[in-house]
Amino acid sequence: MDPLVIVLRFVHVVFGALWVGMVAFVTFFLMPALQAAGPEGGKVMAAVNRRGFMTALPILAIGALISGFWLYYIVGAGDPAAFGRSPRGMTLALGGLAALIAWVVGMAVVRPSMLKAMQLDEQKDLEEIRRLRVRGFKASKALTHLLLFALAAMAVARYL
């Protein structure tokens, strides 16, 4: 087996697992807890951010996406269009597309909403903070479902 494929698969699986796991944890556990905590939730999110969460998550996502698209090209034997017409290729392509859309939603909606809410927390603009958190939470739910779909596609594509 090609060492490049091994490295790409390692990066894709590990970074993808961390990306999906972290997003699912935040969406299903952390964000509801922050909402229940009210204004105090901002302190928790600020502490999480100081540990590099909002920097690490996009890096993991980009690593998973780039390695996944590169693997798709390699597995497609240099002809991803032909590979994309096979059941396995279509499944991987749909999963990759879902992950890419999730990344865009995360970078365009969730991340800016959460960062802005953390900045405003210091100014005590509670209504705007609540609005931003709700916006981020709704978008986070959507991107989590996209990532879970991508995960399922990657898990079953091999058998199609």
N, C-alpha and C. Protein backbone atom coordinates (compact mmCIF):
# COMPACT_ATOMS: atom_id res chain seq x y z
N MET A 1 0.84 -1.18 0.00
CA MET A 1 0.00 0.00 0.00
C MET A 1 0.88 1.25 0.00
N ASP A 2 0.44 2.23 -0.69
CA ASP A 2 1.14 3.50 -0.82
C ASP A 2 1.19 4.22 0.54
N PRO A 3 2.38 4.65 0.98
CA PRO A 3 2.49 5.36 2.26
C PRO A 3 1.64 6.64 2.30
N LEU A 4 1.50 7.30 1.16
CA LEU A 4 0.68 8.51 1.11
C LEU A 4 -0.78 8.19 1.46
N VAL A 5 -1.29 7.07 0.94
CA VAL A 5 -2.67 6.67 1.23
C VAL A 5 -2.83 6.37 2.71
N ILE A 6 -1.84 5.74 3.31
CA ILE A 6 -1.90 5.44 4.75
C ILE A 6 -1.96 6.73 5.56
N VAL A 7 -1.10 7.68 5.23
CA VAL A 7 -1.10 8.96 5.94
C VAL A 7 -2.43 9.69 5.73
N LEU A 8 -2.90 9.73 4.49
CA LEU A 8 -4.17 10.41 4.20
C LEU A 8 -5.34 9.75 4.95
N ARG A 9 -5.37 8.44 4.97
CA ARG A 9 -6.45 7.74 5.69
C ARG A 9 -6.37 8.02 7.19
N PHE A 10 -5.15 8.00 7.72
CA PHE A 10 -4.97 8.31 9.14
C PHE A 10 -5.50 9.70 9.45
N VAL A 11 -5.06 10.69 8.69
CA VAL A 11 -5.51 12.07 8.91
C VAL A 11 -7.02 12.17 8.74
N HIS A 12 -7.55 11.56 7.69
CA HIS A 12 -8.98 11.65 7.42
C HIS A 12 -9.81 11.04 8.55
N VAL A 13 -9.45 9.87 8.98
CA VAL A 13 -10.22 9.18 10.03
C VAL A 13 -10.07 9.87 11.38
N VAL A 14 -8.85 10.18 11.78
CA VAL A 14 -8.62 10.78 13.10
C VAL A 14 -9.19 12.20 13.15
N PHE A 15 -8.86 13.02 12.17
CA PHE A 15 -9.37 14.39 12.17
C PHE A 15 -10.89 14.40 12.01
N GLY A 16 -11.40 13.53 11.16
CA GLY A 16 -12.86 13.46 10.96
C GLY A 16 -13.57 13.02 12.23
N ALA A 17 -13.02 12.02 12.91
CA ALA A 17 -13.64 11.53 14.15
C ALA A 17 -13.65 12.63 15.21
N LEU A 18 -12.54 13.34 15.33
CA LEU A 18 -12.48 14.43 16.30
C LEU A 18 -13.44 15.55 15.93
N TRP A 19 -13.49 15.89 14.65
CA TRP A 19 -14.39 16.95 14.18
C TRP A 19 -15.85 16.60 14.49
N VAL A 20 -16.28 15.43 14.05
CA VAL A 20 -17.67 15.01 14.27
C VAL A 20 -17.95 14.88 15.77
N GLY A 21 -17.05 14.28 16.50
CA GLY A 21 -17.27 14.09 17.93
C GLY A 21 -17.35 15.40 18.70
N MET A 22 -16.45 16.32 18.37
CA MET A 22 -16.47 17.61 19.07
C MET A 22 -17.74 18.40 18.73
N VAL A 23 -18.12 18.39 17.47
CA VAL A 23 -19.32 19.12 17.06
C VAL A 23 -20.56 18.50 17.70
N ALA A 24 -20.64 17.18 17.71
CA ALA A 24 -21.80 16.52 18.32
C ALA A 24 -21.86 16.81 19.82
N PHE A 25 -20.72 16.78 20.50
CA PHE A 25 -20.69 17.11 21.93
C PHE A 25 -21.18 18.53 22.18
N VAL A 26 -20.66 19.47 21.40
CA VAL A 26 -21.06 20.87 21.57
C VAL A 26 -22.55 21.04 21.31
N THR A 27 -23.04 20.44 20.23
CA THR A 27 -24.44 20.62 19.84
C THR A 27 -25.42 19.97 20.81
N PHE A 28 -25.14 18.74 21.19
CA PHE A 28 -26.10 17.99 22.01
C PHE A 28 -25.93 18.18 23.51
N PHE A 29 -24.76 18.62 23.95
CA PHE A 29 -24.51 18.72 25.39
C PHE A 29 -24.10 20.12 25.85
N LEU A 30 -23.05 20.67 25.24
CA LEU A 30 -22.51 21.94 25.72
C LEU A 30 -23.45 23.11 25.46
N MET A 31 -23.94 23.26 24.23
CA MET A 31 -24.81 24.40 23.93
C MET A 31 -26.09 24.41 24.76
N PRO A 32 -26.78 23.27 24.92
CA PRO A 32 -27.95 23.30 25.80
C PRO A 32 -27.59 23.66 27.24
N ALA A 33 -26.45 23.19 27.71
CA ALA A 33 -26.02 23.53 29.07
C ALA A 33 -25.71 25.02 29.19
N LEU A 34 -25.09 25.58 28.16
CA LEU A 34 -24.79 27.02 28.18
C LEU A 34 -26.08 27.83 28.18
N GLN A 35 -27.06 27.39 27.39
CA GLN A 35 -28.34 28.10 27.37
C GLN A 35 -29.02 28.03 28.73
N ALA A 36 -28.96 26.88 29.37
CA ALA A 36 -29.58 26.72 30.68
C ALA A 36 -28.87 27.56 31.74
N ALA A 37 -27.57 27.79 31.55
CA ALA A 37 -26.80 28.56 32.52
C ALA A 37 -27.04 30.06 32.38
N GLY A 38 -27.64 30.48 31.28
CA GLY A 38 -27.91 31.90 31.08
C GLY A 38 -26.64 32.69 30.90
N PRO A 39 -26.56 33.88 31.49
CA PRO A 39 -25.38 34.74 31.30
C PRO A 39 -24.07 34.09 31.75
N GLU A 40 -24.14 33.19 32.71
CA GLU A 40 -22.92 32.52 33.19
C GLU A 40 -22.33 31.59 32.13
N GLY A 41 -23.16 31.16 31.17
CA GLY A 41 -22.68 30.29 30.11
C GLY A 41 -21.58 30.94 29.28
N GLY A 42 -21.63 32.24 29.18
CA GLY A 42 -20.59 32.96 28.43
C GLY A 42 -19.21 32.77 29.02
N LYS A 43 -19.13 32.69 30.34
CA LYS A 43 -17.84 32.47 31.00
C LYS A 43 -17.28 31.10 30.64
N VAL A 44 -18.16 30.12 30.59
CA VAL A 44 -17.72 28.76 30.25
C VAL A 44 -17.22 28.72 28.81
N MET A 45 -18.00 29.32 27.91
CA MET A 45 -17.59 29.31 26.50
C MET A 45 -16.30 30.08 26.30
N ALA A 46 -16.12 31.18 27.02
CA ALA A 46 -14.87 31.93 26.93
C ALA A 46 -13.69 31.08 27.41
N ALA A 47 -13.90 30.30 28.47
CA ALA A 47 -12.83 29.42 28.97
C ALA A 47 -12.51 28.33 27.96
N VAL A 48 -13.54 27.78 27.32
CA VAL A 48 -13.33 26.77 26.28
C VAL A 48 -12.55 27.38 25.12
N ASN A 49 -12.91 28.59 24.75
CA ASN A 49 -12.24 29.26 23.64
C ASN A 49 -10.78 29.57 23.97
N ARG A 50 -10.49 29.94 25.21
CA ARG A 50 -9.10 30.23 25.61
C ARG A 50 -8.22 29.00 25.47
N ARG A 51 -8.81 27.83 25.48
CA ARG A 51 -8.06 26.59 25.31
C ARG A 51 -7.90 26.21 23.84
N GLY A 52 -8.34 27.09 22.95
CA GLY A 52 -8.09 26.90 21.53
C GLY A 52 -9.16 26.15 20.76
N PHE A 53 -10.32 25.98 21.35
CA PHE A 53 -11.38 25.20 20.69
C PHE A 53 -11.77 25.78 19.34
N MET A 54 -11.98 27.10 19.30
CA MET A 54 -12.45 27.73 18.07
C MET A 54 -11.35 27.80 16.99
N THR A 55 -10.13 27.48 17.37
CA THR A 55 -9.04 27.38 16.41
C THR A 55 -8.85 25.93 15.98
N ALA A 56 -8.91 25.02 16.93
CA ALA A 56 -8.67 23.60 16.64
C ALA A 56 -9.74 23.00 15.74
N LEU A 57 -10.99 23.35 15.99
CA LEU A 57 -12.09 22.74 15.24
C LEU A 57 -11.99 22.99 13.73
N PRO A 58 -11.76 24.23 13.27
CA PRO A 58 -11.62 24.42 11.83
C PRO A 58 -10.39 23.71 11.24
N ILE A 59 -9.32 23.62 12.02
CA ILE A 59 -8.12 22.92 11.53
C ILE A 59 -8.42 21.43 11.34
N LEU A 60 -9.10 20.83 12.31
CA LEU A 60 -9.48 19.43 12.18
C LEU A 60 -10.39 19.22 10.97
N ALA A 61 -11.34 20.13 10.80
CA ALA A 61 -12.27 20.03 9.67
C ALA A 61 -11.53 20.13 8.34
N ILE A 62 -10.65 21.09 8.22
CA ILE A 62 -9.91 21.27 6.96
C ILE A 62 -9.04 20.05 6.69
N GLY A 63 -8.39 19.53 7.73
CA GLY A 63 -7.57 18.32 7.55
C GLY A 63 -8.40 17.14 7.07
N ALA A 64 -9.58 16.97 7.66
CA ALA A 64 -10.47 15.87 7.25
C ALA A 64 -10.96 16.07 5.81
N LEU A 65 -11.32 17.29 5.48
CA LEU A 65 -11.83 17.57 4.13
C LEU A 65 -10.76 17.39 3.06
N ILE A 66 -9.61 18.00 3.26
CA ILE A 66 -8.55 17.92 2.25
C ILE A 66 -8.10 16.47 2.06
N SER A 67 -7.88 15.76 3.15
CA SER A 67 -7.44 14.37 3.02
C SER A 67 -8.54 13.52 2.38
N GLY A 68 -9.80 13.81 2.69
CA GLY A 68 -10.91 13.07 2.09
C GLY A 68 -11.02 13.29 0.59
N PHE A 69 -10.91 14.55 0.17
CA PHE A 69 -10.99 14.83 -1.27
C PHE A 69 -9.79 14.23 -2.01
N TRP A 70 -8.63 14.26 -1.38
CA TRP A 70 -7.43 13.68 -1.99
C TRP A 70 -7.59 12.16 -2.11
N LEU A 71 -8.09 11.53 -1.06
CA LEU A 71 -8.35 10.08 -1.12
C LEU A 71 -9.37 9.74 -2.19
N TYR A 72 -10.40 10.55 -2.32
CA TYR A 72 -11.43 10.33 -3.34
C TYR A 72 -10.77 10.32 -4.73
N TYR A 73 -9.88 11.25 -4.96
CA TYR A 73 -9.18 11.32 -6.24
C TYR A 73 -8.31 10.08 -6.45
N ILE A 74 -7.60 9.66 -5.40
CA ILE A 74 -6.73 8.49 -5.51
C ILE A 74 -7.56 7.23 -5.76
N VAL A 75 -8.63 7.05 -4.97
CA VAL A 75 -9.47 5.86 -5.11
C VAL A 75 -10.15 5.85 -6.47
N GLY A 76 -10.44 7.05 -6.98
CA GLY A 76 -11.05 7.15 -8.31
C GLY A 76 -10.07 6.90 -9.43
N ALA A 77 -8.85 6.50 -9.10
CA ALA A 77 -7.80 6.17 -10.08
C ALA A 77 -7.59 7.31 -11.07
N GLY A 78 -7.64 8.53 -10.57
CA GLY A 78 -7.39 9.68 -11.43
C GLY A 78 -8.58 10.10 -12.27
N ASP A 79 -9.67 9.38 -12.19
CA ASP A 79 -10.88 9.73 -12.94
C ASP A 79 -12.07 9.80 -11.98
N PRO A 80 -12.12 10.86 -11.15
CA PRO A 80 -13.18 10.93 -10.15
C PRO A 80 -14.58 10.99 -10.75
N ALA A 81 -14.72 11.49 -11.97
CA ALA A 81 -16.05 11.55 -12.60
C ALA A 81 -16.59 10.14 -12.85
N ALA A 82 -15.74 9.27 -13.38
CA ALA A 82 -16.17 7.89 -13.63
C ALA A 82 -16.44 7.17 -12.30
N PHE A 83 -15.53 7.37 -11.34
CA PHE A 83 -15.71 6.74 -10.03
C PHE A 83 -17.00 7.24 -9.37
N GLY A 84 -17.31 8.52 -9.58
CA GLY A 84 -18.49 9.12 -8.98
C GLY A 84 -19.80 8.55 -9.48
N ARG A 85 -19.77 7.83 -10.59
CA ARG A 85 -20.99 7.21 -11.11
C ARG A 85 -21.24 5.83 -10.50
N SER A 86 -20.27 5.30 -9.78
CA SER A 86 -20.45 4.00 -9.11
C SER A 86 -21.19 4.23 -7.79
N PRO A 87 -21.87 3.19 -7.26
CA PRO A 87 -22.55 3.37 -5.97
C PRO A 87 -21.60 3.82 -4.85
N ARG A 88 -20.42 3.24 -4.81
CA ARG A 88 -19.45 3.63 -3.78
C ARG A 88 -19.01 5.07 -3.98
N GLY A 89 -18.72 5.43 -5.21
CA GLY A 89 -18.29 6.79 -5.51
C GLY A 89 -19.37 7.82 -5.20
N MET A 90 -20.62 7.50 -5.55
CA MET A 90 -21.72 8.42 -5.25
C MET A 90 -21.90 8.61 -3.75
N THR A 91 -21.80 7.51 -3.02
CA THR A 91 -21.97 7.59 -1.57
C THR A 91 -20.87 8.43 -0.94
N LEU A 92 -19.63 8.20 -1.34
CA LEU A 92 -18.51 8.99 -0.82
C LEU A 92 -18.64 10.45 -1.23
N ALA A 93 -19.07 10.69 -2.47
CA ALA A 93 -19.23 12.07 -2.94
C ALA A 93 -20.32 12.80 -2.15
N LEU A 94 -21.44 12.13 -1.91
CA LEU A 94 -22.51 12.76 -1.13
C LEU A 94 -22.06 13.03 0.31
N GLY A 95 -21.33 12.09 0.88
CA GLY A 95 -20.80 12.30 2.23
C GLY A 95 -19.81 13.45 2.27
N GLY A 96 -18.95 13.51 1.26
CA GLY A 96 -17.98 14.62 1.18
C GLY A 96 -18.67 15.95 0.99
N LEU A 97 -19.70 15.97 0.15
CA LEU A 97 -20.46 17.20 -0.07
C LEU A 97 -21.15 17.65 1.23
N ALA A 98 -21.74 16.71 1.95
CA ALA A 98 -22.38 17.04 3.23
C ALA A 98 -21.36 17.62 4.21
N ALA A 99 -20.17 17.03 4.27
CA ALA A 99 -19.13 17.53 5.17
C ALA A 99 -18.68 18.93 4.75
N LEU A 100 -18.55 19.15 3.45
CA LEU A 100 -18.14 20.46 2.96
C LEU A 100 -19.19 21.52 3.30
N ILE A 101 -20.45 21.19 3.10
CA ILE A 101 -21.54 22.13 3.45
C ILE A 101 -21.52 22.40 4.96
N ALA A 102 -21.29 21.35 5.75
CA ALA A 102 -21.22 21.52 7.20
C ALA A 102 -20.10 22.48 7.57
N TRP A 103 -18.96 22.35 6.93
CA TRP A 103 -17.83 23.25 7.20
C TRP A 103 -18.19 24.69 6.86
N VAL A 104 -18.84 24.88 5.71
CA VAL A 104 -19.23 26.23 5.31
C VAL A 104 -20.21 26.83 6.32
N VAL A 105 -21.20 26.05 6.74
CA VAL A 105 -22.17 26.53 7.73
C VAL A 105 -21.45 26.86 9.05
N GLY A 106 -20.54 26.01 9.44
CA GLY A 106 -19.79 26.26 10.67
C GLY A 106 -18.97 27.53 10.60
N MET A 107 -18.28 27.74 9.48
CA MET A 107 -17.42 28.90 9.34
C MET A 107 -18.21 30.19 9.07
N ALA A 108 -19.34 30.08 8.38
CA ALA A 108 -20.10 31.28 8.00
C ALA A 108 -21.14 31.68 9.04
N VAL A 109 -21.64 30.72 9.83
CA VAL A 109 -22.72 31.04 10.76
C VAL A 109 -22.34 30.73 12.21
N VAL A 110 -21.98 29.49 12.50
CA VAL A 110 -21.78 29.08 13.90
C VAL A 110 -20.60 29.80 14.54
N ARG A 111 -19.44 29.71 13.92
CA ARG A 111 -18.24 30.30 14.51
C ARG A 111 -18.39 31.81 14.73
N PRO A 112 -18.82 32.58 13.70
CA PRO A 112 -18.99 34.02 13.93
C PRO A 112 -20.02 34.34 15.02
N SER A 113 -21.12 33.58 15.06
CA SER A 113 -22.15 33.83 16.07
C SER A 113 -21.59 33.61 17.47
N MET A 114 -20.87 32.52 17.66
CA MET A 114 -20.34 32.20 18.99
C MET A 114 -19.24 33.20 19.40
N LEU A 115 -18.37 33.56 18.48
CA LEU A 115 -17.32 34.52 18.81
C LEU A 115 -17.91 35.88 19.16
N LYS A 116 -18.90 36.31 18.39
CA LYS A 116 -19.54 37.60 18.66
C LYS A 116 -20.27 37.55 20.01
N ALA A 117 -20.95 36.46 20.31
CA ALA A 117 -21.65 36.33 21.59
C ALA A 117 -20.66 36.39 22.75
N MET A 118 -19.48 35.81 22.59
CA MET A 118 -18.48 35.86 23.65
C MET A 118 -17.95 37.28 23.84
N GLN A 119 -17.77 38.01 22.74
CA GLN A 119 -17.31 39.39 22.85
C GLN A 119 -18.35 40.27 23.52
N LEU A 120 -19.60 40.07 23.16
CA LEU A 120 -20.67 40.88 23.73
C LEU A 120 -20.91 40.56 25.20
N ASP A 121 -20.56 39.36 25.62
CA ASP A 121 -20.81 38.96 27.00
C ASP A 121 -20.19 39.93 27.98
N GLU A 122 -19.05 40.47 27.61
CA GLU A 122 -18.38 41.42 28.48
C GLU A 122 -19.18 42.72 28.59
N GLN A 123 -19.95 43.04 27.58
CA GLN A 123 -20.71 44.29 27.56
C GLN A 123 -22.11 44.11 28.14
N LYS A 124 -22.49 42.91 28.47
CA LYS A 124 -23.79 42.59 29.09
C LYS A 124 -24.99 42.92 28.20
N ASP A 125 -24.82 42.75 26.90
CA ASP A 125 -25.94 42.93 25.96
C ASP A 125 -26.66 41.58 25.85
N LEU A 126 -27.47 41.26 26.84
CA LEU A 126 -28.03 39.92 27.00
C LEU A 126 -28.96 39.51 25.86
N GLU A 127 -29.77 40.42 25.36
CA GLU A 127 -30.71 40.06 24.29
C GLU A 127 -29.96 39.71 23.00
N GLU A 128 -28.95 40.47 22.67
CA GLU A 128 -28.16 40.18 21.46
C GLU A 128 -27.37 38.88 21.65
N ILE A 129 -26.86 38.66 22.82
CA ILE A 129 -26.13 37.42 23.11
C ILE A 129 -27.06 36.23 22.95
N ARG A 130 -28.28 36.33 23.48
CA ARG A 130 -29.25 35.25 23.36
C ARG A 130 -29.58 35.00 21.89
N ARG A 131 -29.78 36.06 21.12
CA ARG A 131 -30.09 35.92 19.70
C ARG A 131 -28.96 35.22 18.95
N LEU A 132 -27.73 35.62 19.23
CA LEU A 132 -26.57 35.01 18.57
C LEU A 132 -26.41 33.54 18.97
N ARG A 133 -26.63 33.24 20.24
CA ARG A 133 -26.53 31.84 20.70
C ARG A 133 -27.59 30.97 20.04
N VAL A 134 -28.82 31.48 19.94
CA VAL A 134 -29.89 30.71 19.29
C VAL A 134 -29.56 30.48 17.83
N ARG A 135 -29.08 31.52 17.16
CA ARG A 135 -28.68 31.39 15.74
C ARG A 135 -27.59 30.34 15.59
N GLY A 136 -26.57 30.43 16.43
CA GLY A 136 -25.47 29.47 16.38
C GLY A 136 -25.92 28.06 16.69
N PHE A 137 -26.83 27.93 17.66
CA PHE A 137 -27.32 26.60 18.05
C PHE A 137 -28.13 25.97 16.92
N LYS A 138 -29.00 26.74 16.28
CA LYS A 138 -29.79 26.19 15.17
C LYS A 138 -28.89 25.76 14.02
N ALA A 139 -27.92 26.59 13.68
CA ALA A 139 -26.99 26.23 12.60
C ALA A 139 -26.14 25.03 13.00
N SER A 140 -25.77 24.97 14.27
CA SER A 140 -24.96 23.85 14.75
C SER A 140 -25.72 22.54 14.66
N LYS A 141 -27.02 22.57 14.94
CA LYS A 141 -27.83 21.36 14.79
C LYS A 141 -27.82 20.88 13.34
N ALA A 142 -28.01 21.83 12.42
CA ALA A 142 -28.03 21.47 11.00
C ALA A 142 -26.69 20.89 10.56
N LEU A 143 -25.60 21.53 10.95
CA LEU A 143 -24.30 21.02 10.51
C LEU A 143 -23.96 19.71 11.19
N THR A 144 -24.44 19.49 12.41
CA THR A 144 -24.22 18.20 13.08
C THR A 144 -24.92 17.09 12.31
N HIS A 145 -26.14 17.34 11.86
CA HIS A 145 -26.84 16.33 11.06
C HIS A 145 -26.13 16.07 9.74
N LEU A 146 -25.59 17.11 9.13
CA LEU A 146 -24.81 16.93 7.90
C LEU A 146 -23.58 16.07 8.17
N LEU A 147 -22.90 16.34 9.27
CA LEU A 147 -21.70 15.56 9.60
C LEU A 147 -22.04 14.11 9.95
N LEU A 148 -23.15 13.90 10.62
CA LEU A 148 -23.55 12.52 10.92
C LEU A 148 -23.92 11.77 9.64
N PHE A 149 -24.53 12.47 8.69
CA PHE A 149 -24.80 11.87 7.38
C PHE A 149 -23.49 11.52 6.69
N ALA A 150 -22.53 12.45 6.71
CA ALA A 150 -21.22 12.20 6.08
C ALA A 150 -20.54 11.00 6.73
N LEU A 151 -20.60 10.93 8.04
CA LEU A 151 -20.01 9.81 8.77
C LEU A 151 -20.65 8.49 8.35
N ALA A 152 -21.97 8.48 8.27
CA ALA A 152 -22.68 7.27 7.84
C ALA A 152 -22.30 6.89 6.42
N ALA A 153 -22.19 7.87 5.54
CA ALA A 153 -21.80 7.59 4.15
C ALA A 153 -20.42 6.96 4.08
N MET A 154 -19.47 7.50 4.85
CA MET A 154 -18.12 6.96 4.85
C MET A 154 -18.10 5.53 5.41
N ALA A 155 -18.96 5.29 6.40
CA ALA A 155 -18.99 3.97 7.04
C ALA A 155 -19.53 2.88 6.12
N VAL A 156 -20.51 3.22 5.27
CA VAL A 156 -21.15 2.19 4.45
C VAL A 156 -20.65 2.13 3.01
N ALA A 157 -19.97 3.17 2.55
CA ALA A 157 -19.59 3.24 1.13
C ALA A 157 -18.77 2.03 0.67
N ARG A 158 -17.93 1.55 1.53
CA ARG A 158 -17.05 0.42 1.19
C ARG A 158 -17.85 -0.82 0.76
N TYR A 159 -19.07 -0.94 1.28
CA TYR A 159 -19.85 -2.14 1.05
C TYR A 159 -20.83 -2.01 -0.11
N LEU A 160 -20.78 -0.90 -0.80
CA LEU A 160 -21.71 -0.69 -1.93
C LEU A 160 -21.05 -1.02 -3.25
